[in-house]
Amino acid sequence: MSYARFSHCDVYVYMDVNGSLACCGCHLGDDWYFGSTEAMVAHLAEHRAAGHDVPDGLEDALRADDAENFPPRHTDACLVAVLQQFGYVPARRVPKLDDERRVRGERLADTTPHVCICTAGLDPAVLEVGAGATIRLDSDTIAATIAEVHGKRIGVRQDHQERTDKNGPYAGRGQQVWKTEPNPDAPIEWYSIRKSGRIVAVGWPDRYGEVTLYLGGRNPFRDPTA
């Protein structure tokens, strides 16, 4: 959902599906993504200090949604244990989870609203053929079903999906309701588990903003602001 738009102020703030608060098109620089409510509040203070028009009450609205936007994250120890369980990433290669990287906008698995290979408590069943998954394309997500698993490579097919809510074309995150059904005729799309713990489309680099896969459920979403 968006908290402020350029149509009535100087900031465009929304909760991105990548699990970060975004200051899209920020007038202060190229760091648009913030991994905590307080990091965004501090950023908005910079906008106010620069004389930019920031809506009154914006910080209060962000803090009111803090628990929903940023649920409690898992510890590094749990993350290491899960990755070692699957044998994909040695403990020494597990990325450090720190607020500095979040402020720089890097993609961290434990900030995503969906379950990912790096999430503590991961059940091996999420890697079984027929299990649900979610593809992230920019700010949109697509429901999918695992079709094949070969070592570190996971093949998925995009599901049939249909919006069933009546909340209109501008419904945000948490307001969209989707009906999904596996599509056995869809082509298989391949993803690979990288050293960072992210699951990225084969042929794409492992960096923020690329086509990624999340395990443990089907969570389609269409960004009305895109």
Protein backbone atom coordinates (compact mmCIF):
# COMPACT_ATOMS: atom_id res chain seq x y z
CA MET A 1 0.00 0.00 0.00
CA SER A 2 1.10 3.59 -0.51
CA TYR A 3 1.37 6.07 2.37
CA ALA A 4 2.01 9.19 0.28
CA ARG A 5 2.05 10.05 -3.43
CA PHE A 6 3.59 12.76 -5.57
CA SER A 7 0.12 13.96 -6.55
CA HIS A 8 -0.23 15.78 -3.23
CA CYS A 9 3.27 16.01 -1.70
CA ASP A 10 7.01 15.67 -2.43
CA VAL A 11 7.43 12.01 -1.42
CA TYR A 12 6.09 8.72 -2.74
CA VAL A 13 6.22 6.21 0.11
CA TYR A 14 4.88 2.65 -0.02
CA MET A 15 5.50 -0.84 1.34
CA ASP A 16 7.14 -2.83 -1.43
CA VAL A 17 6.57 -6.56 -1.90
CA ASN A 18 10.32 -7.04 -1.44
CA GLY A 19 9.75 -6.46 2.28
CA SER A 20 11.10 -2.91 2.45
CA LEU A 21 9.57 0.55 2.73
CA ALA A 22 10.26 2.48 -0.45
CA CYS A 23 10.72 6.19 -1.07
CA CYS A 24 10.22 5.92 -4.82
CA GLY A 25 11.87 8.58 -6.97
CA CYS A 26 13.52 10.05 -3.88
CA HIS A 27 14.68 13.65 -4.34
CA LEU A 28 17.54 13.08 -1.88
CA GLY A 29 19.40 10.34 -3.73
CA ASP A 30 19.35 6.81 -5.11
CA ASP A 31 18.75 4.91 -1.82
CA TRP A 32 15.02 4.22 -2.11
CA TYR A 33 14.56 1.16 0.11
CA PHE A 34 14.53 1.02 3.92
CA GLY A 35 14.45 -2.16 5.99
CA SER A 36 12.70 -0.78 9.07
CA THR A 37 10.04 1.74 10.04
CA GLU A 38 12.49 3.87 12.00
CA ALA A 39 14.93 3.96 9.08
CA MET A 40 12.14 5.39 6.91
CA VAL A 41 11.10 7.83 9.67
CA ALA A 42 14.69 9.08 9.87
CA HIS A 43 14.75 9.42 6.09
CA LEU A 44 11.53 11.46 6.13
CA ALA A 45 13.14 13.75 8.69
CA GLU A 46 15.81 14.48 6.08
CA HIS A 47 13.08 15.36 3.59
CA ARG A 48 11.48 17.74 6.09
CA ALA A 49 14.86 19.32 6.86
CA ALA A 50 15.36 19.87 3.12
CA GLY A 51 12.06 21.77 2.98
CA HIS A 52 10.16 19.06 1.12
CA ASP A 53 6.40 18.70 1.56
CA VAL A 54 5.83 15.58 3.70
CA PRO A 55 2.23 14.84 4.82
CA ASP A 56 1.45 15.34 8.49
CA GLY A 57 0.91 12.07 10.30
CA LEU A 58 2.89 10.00 7.81
CA GLU A 59 5.34 8.80 10.45
CA ASP A 60 2.45 7.84 12.77
CA ALA A 61 0.84 5.79 9.99
CA LEU A 62 4.11 3.97 9.35
CA ARG A 63 4.57 3.17 13.03
CA ALA A 64 0.98 1.93 13.29
CA ASP A 65 1.72 -0.62 10.55
CA ASP A 66 5.17 -1.56 11.84
CA ALA A 67 4.18 -5.01 13.19
CA GLU A 68 2.50 -5.95 9.90
CA ASN A 69 5.20 -4.53 7.65
CA PHE A 70 8.14 -5.92 9.62
CA PRO A 71 7.25 -9.09 11.55
CA PRO A 72 9.90 -10.39 13.98
CA ARG A 73 12.90 -11.62 12.06
CA HIS A 74 14.80 -14.84 12.61
CA THR A 75 18.23 -15.04 14.16
CA ASP A 76 21.43 -15.72 12.22
CA ALA A 77 21.83 -18.98 14.17
CA CYS A 78 18.48 -20.29 12.95
CA LEU A 79 19.25 -19.24 9.39
CA VAL A 80 22.59 -21.04 9.47
CA ALA A 81 20.99 -24.22 10.80
CA VAL A 82 18.39 -24.28 8.03
CA LEU A 83 20.91 -23.67 5.26
CA GLN A 84 23.20 -26.38 6.59
CA GLN A 85 20.21 -28.74 6.79
CA PHE A 86 19.74 -28.42 3.04
CA GLY A 87 23.46 -28.36 2.33
CA TYR A 88 23.31 -25.32 0.08
CA VAL A 89 25.34 -22.66 1.89
CA PRO A 90 28.21 -23.23 4.36
CA ALA A 91 27.85 -21.30 7.60
CA ARG A 92 30.81 -19.05 6.72
CA ARG A 93 29.02 -17.88 3.56
CA VAL A 94 25.73 -16.92 5.22
CA PRO A 95 25.17 -13.19 4.68
CA LYS A 96 25.20 -11.00 7.78
CA LEU A 97 21.76 -9.62 8.59
CA ASP A 98 22.27 -6.03 9.63
CA ASP A 99 20.37 -2.78 9.39
CA GLU A 100 23.13 -1.06 7.41
CA ARG A 101 22.59 -3.40 4.46
CA ARG A 102 18.83 -2.90 4.74
CA VAL A 103 19.23 0.88 4.57
CA ARG A 104 21.31 0.46 1.41
CA GLY A 105 18.34 -1.40 -0.05
CA GLU A 106 19.86 -4.85 -0.41
CA ARG A 107 17.46 -7.76 -0.66
CA LEU A 108 17.47 -9.79 2.59
CA ALA A 109 15.51 -13.00 2.80
CA ASP A 110 14.14 -12.50 6.31
CA THR A 111 12.40 -9.22 5.36
CA THR A 112 10.17 -10.83 2.75
CA PRO A 113 6.52 -11.40 3.64
CA HIS A 114 6.77 -14.86 2.06
CA VAL A 115 8.67 -17.95 3.20
CA CYS A 116 12.06 -18.36 1.54
CA ILE A 117 14.87 -20.91 1.63
CA CYS A 118 16.62 -18.69 4.22
CA THR A 119 13.72 -18.66 6.67
CA ALA A 120 14.14 -20.48 9.98
CA GLY A 121 11.80 -23.42 10.54
CA LEU A 122 11.68 -24.29 6.85
CA ASP A 123 9.97 -27.64 6.30
CA PRO A 124 11.62 -29.86 3.66
CA ALA A 125 8.12 -30.37 2.21
CA VAL A 126 8.31 -26.91 0.61
CA LEU A 127 10.81 -28.36 -1.88
CA GLU A 128 8.58 -31.25 -2.94
CA VAL A 129 7.10 -31.45 -6.43
CA GLY A 130 3.57 -30.05 -6.29
CA ALA A 131 4.29 -27.60 -3.46
CA GLY A 132 3.32 -23.97 -3.87
CA ALA A 133 5.81 -21.17 -4.56
CA THR A 134 5.80 -17.48 -5.44
CA ILE A 135 7.67 -15.73 -8.25
CA ARG A 136 8.64 -12.07 -7.75
CA LEU A 137 8.84 -9.89 -10.85
CA ASP A 138 9.73 -6.36 -9.78
CA SER A 139 6.85 -5.33 -7.48
CA ASP A 140 4.43 -8.04 -8.70
CA THR A 141 4.27 -11.63 -7.47
CA ILE A 142 2.92 -14.69 -9.29
CA ALA A 143 1.64 -17.98 -7.84
CA ALA A 144 3.50 -21.06 -9.03
CA THR A 145 3.84 -24.80 -8.42
CA ILE A 146 7.10 -26.73 -8.14
CA ALA A 147 7.39 -29.12 -11.10
CA GLU A 148 10.94 -30.49 -10.77
CA VAL A 149 13.84 -30.33 -8.30
CA HIS A 150 17.40 -31.19 -9.34
CA GLY A 151 20.02 -30.38 -6.72
CA LYS A 152 20.15 -26.60 -6.42
CA ARG A 153 17.84 -26.07 -9.40
CA ILE A 154 14.08 -25.74 -9.00
CA GLY A 155 11.66 -25.81 -11.92
CA VAL A 156 8.22 -24.21 -11.47
CA ARG A 157 5.12 -23.63 -13.56
CA GLN A 158 3.03 -20.49 -13.21
CA ASP A 159 -0.47 -21.21 -11.87
CA HIS A 160 -3.83 -20.18 -13.23
CA GLN A 161 -4.78 -17.21 -11.04
CA GLU A 162 -7.82 -14.99 -10.80
CA ARG A 163 -8.63 -12.07 -8.52
CA THR A 164 -11.89 -12.64 -6.67
CA ASP A 165 -12.14 -9.58 -4.42
CA LYS A 166 -14.23 -6.49 -5.20
CA ASN A 167 -11.74 -3.93 -3.91
CA GLY A 168 -11.11 -2.24 -7.25
CA PRO A 169 -8.04 -1.80 -9.45
CA TYR A 170 -6.08 0.17 -6.84
CA ALA A 171 -6.29 -2.38 -4.02
CA GLY A 172 -2.97 -2.68 -2.22
CA ARG A 173 -1.18 -5.41 -0.32
CA GLY A 174 -3.56 -7.21 2.02
CA GLN A 175 -6.62 -6.10 0.02
CA GLN A 176 -6.29 -8.44 -2.94
CA VAL A 177 -7.80 -11.95 -2.83
CA TRP A 178 -6.75 -14.49 -5.45
CA LYS A 179 -7.93 -17.94 -6.52
CA THR A 180 -5.06 -20.08 -7.80
CA GLU A 181 -4.88 -23.48 -9.45
CA PRO A 182 -1.83 -25.41 -10.74
CA ASN A 183 -1.41 -25.29 -14.51
CA PRO A 184 0.28 -28.51 -15.71
CA ASP A 185 0.45 -27.16 -19.26
CA ALA A 186 2.51 -24.07 -18.40
CA PRO A 187 6.19 -24.11 -19.41
CA ILE A 188 8.73 -24.87 -16.71
CA GLU A 189 10.76 -21.89 -15.50
CA TRP A 190 14.08 -22.66 -13.82
CA TYR A 191 15.57 -21.09 -10.71
CA SER A 192 18.77 -21.84 -8.81
CA ILE A 193 19.70 -21.46 -5.15
CA ARG A 194 22.63 -19.05 -4.91
CA LYS A 195 25.35 -18.63 -2.28
CA SER A 196 23.43 -15.68 -0.81
CA GLY A 197 20.48 -17.99 -0.07
CA ARG A 198 18.28 -16.30 -2.67
CA ILE A 199 16.57 -18.38 -5.33
CA VAL A 200 17.12 -16.52 -8.60
CA ALA A 201 15.99 -17.21 -12.17
CA VAL A 202 18.62 -19.16 -14.14
CA GLY A 203 20.58 -16.76 -16.32
CA TRP A 204 19.99 -13.78 -14.01
CA PRO A 205 22.63 -12.32 -11.67
CA ASP A 206 22.21 -12.66 -7.91
CA ARG A 207 21.55 -9.08 -6.88
CA TYR A 208 18.73 -6.90 -5.63
CA GLY A 209 15.74 -6.50 -7.92
CA GLU A 210 16.11 -9.60 -10.10
CA VAL A 211 13.56 -12.35 -10.77
CA THR A 212 13.39 -14.44 -7.58
CA LEU A 213 11.45 -17.41 -6.19
CA TYR A 214 10.02 -17.89 -2.68
CA LEU A 215 8.94 -21.21 -1.23
CA GLY A 216 6.19 -22.24 1.13
CA GLY A 217 3.05 -20.79 -0.42
CA ARG A 218 1.30 -19.08 -3.31
CA ASN A 219 1.05 -15.32 -2.80
CA PRO A 220 0.01 -13.52 -6.01
CA PHE A 221 -0.12 -9.72 -6.01
CA ARG A 222 -0.46 -7.04 -8.68
CA ASP A 223 1.05 -3.69 -7.78
CA PRO A 224 -1.59 -1.06 -8.64
CA THR A 225 1.06 1.67 -8.71
CA ALA A 226 3.28 -0.02 -11.31
